[in-house]
Amino acid sequence: MTDRPAPIRLDQCLTQLVAARAAAQGGVVRRRTCAIGQIVGNERFLAKLDRRGFRAVENAGRTVVFCNRAPVRVLR
């Protein structure tokens, strides 16, 4: 049997995301999409991104958050 980490509070999860070094430097943060939905909830997560002006994309079960207000362009 494996030990599971203590459950994380919703606000704590969102705070950790935007407090990440990459976020502070306008970089990129990657999270598992299912974890976002289970821990925070997609609508609450997207509302947080909107308030900060961040963009996000989803691919292969991962959500990539661009922690700046620059436009995102999908190349291919």
Protein backbone atom coordinates (compact mmCIF):
# COMPACT_ATOMS: atom_id res chain seq x y z
CA MET A 1 0.00 0.00 0.00
CA THR A 2 1.38 3.41 -0.93
CA ASP A 3 1.09 6.52 1.17
CA ARG A 4 -0.89 9.24 -0.51
CA PRO A 5 -0.14 12.88 0.12
CA ALA A 6 -2.61 14.84 2.19
CA PRO A 7 -5.43 16.33 0.12
CA ILE A 8 -4.69 19.82 -1.11
CA ARG A 9 -7.13 22.68 -0.62
CA LEU A 10 -8.56 24.31 -3.73
CA ASP A 11 -7.16 27.75 -2.99
CA GLN A 12 -3.79 26.23 -2.15
CA CYS A 13 -3.63 24.51 -5.56
CA LEU A 14 -4.42 27.72 -7.43
CA THR A 15 -1.93 29.65 -5.33
CA GLN A 16 0.79 27.10 -6.06
CA LEU A 17 0.14 27.35 -9.77
CA VAL A 18 0.43 31.12 -10.01
CA ALA A 19 3.26 31.26 -7.44
CA ALA A 20 5.47 28.91 -9.45
CA ARG A 21 8.77 30.45 -10.52
CA ALA A 22 7.84 30.10 -14.19
CA ALA A 23 4.58 31.95 -13.60
CA ALA A 24 6.36 34.76 -11.78
CA GLN A 25 8.77 35.11 -14.71
CA GLY A 26 6.04 35.05 -17.36
CA GLY A 27 6.94 31.51 -18.41
CA VAL A 28 5.04 28.27 -18.84
CA VAL A 29 3.51 25.95 -16.23
CA ARG A 30 2.29 22.44 -17.03
CA ARG A 31 -0.27 20.45 -15.03
CA ARG A 32 -2.23 17.24 -15.52
CA THR A 33 -5.66 18.14 -16.87
CA CYS A 34 -7.47 15.52 -14.77
CA ALA A 35 -5.83 16.87 -11.60
CA ILE A 36 -7.03 20.38 -12.36
CA GLY A 37 -10.57 19.11 -12.82
CA GLN A 38 -10.55 16.97 -9.69
CA ILE A 39 -8.78 19.34 -7.33
CA VAL A 40 -9.84 22.79 -8.46
CA GLY A 41 -12.58 22.39 -11.03
CA ASN A 42 -12.24 23.52 -14.61
CA GLU A 43 -14.48 26.58 -14.33
CA ARG A 44 -12.68 27.88 -11.26
CA PHE A 45 -9.32 27.25 -12.90
CA LEU A 46 -10.33 29.09 -16.07
CA ALA A 47 -11.71 32.00 -14.04
CA LYS A 48 -8.32 32.33 -12.32
CA LEU A 49 -6.58 32.38 -15.70
CA ASP A 50 -9.00 35.02 -16.99
CA ARG A 51 -8.38 37.28 -13.99
CA ARG A 52 -4.65 37.16 -14.64
CA GLY A 53 -4.90 37.35 -18.43
CA PHE A 54 -3.11 34.03 -18.91
CA ARG A 55 -3.70 31.61 -21.79
CA ALA A 56 -3.80 27.81 -21.65
CA VAL A 57 -3.83 24.91 -24.09
CA GLU A 58 -4.60 21.26 -23.52
CA ASN A 59 -2.98 18.26 -25.20
CA ALA A 60 -2.58 14.58 -24.30
CA GLY A 61 -3.91 14.96 -20.78
CA ARG A 62 -1.75 17.98 -19.92
CA THR A 63 -2.71 21.61 -19.62
CA VAL A 64 0.00 24.12 -20.45
CA VAL A 65 -0.48 27.59 -19.00
CA PHE A 66 1.30 30.55 -20.57
CA CYS A 67 1.81 32.88 -17.62
CA ASN A 68 1.80 36.12 -19.55
CA ARG A 69 -0.61 38.15 -21.63
CA ALA A 70 1.08 37.57 -24.97
CA PRO A 71 -0.98 35.91 -27.72
CA VAL A 72 -0.52 32.19 -28.28
CA ARG A 73 -0.12 30.87 -31.81
CA VAL A 74 -0.39 27.18 -32.65
CA LEU A 75 2.18 26.43 -35.30
CA ARG A 76 1.01 22.99 -36.46
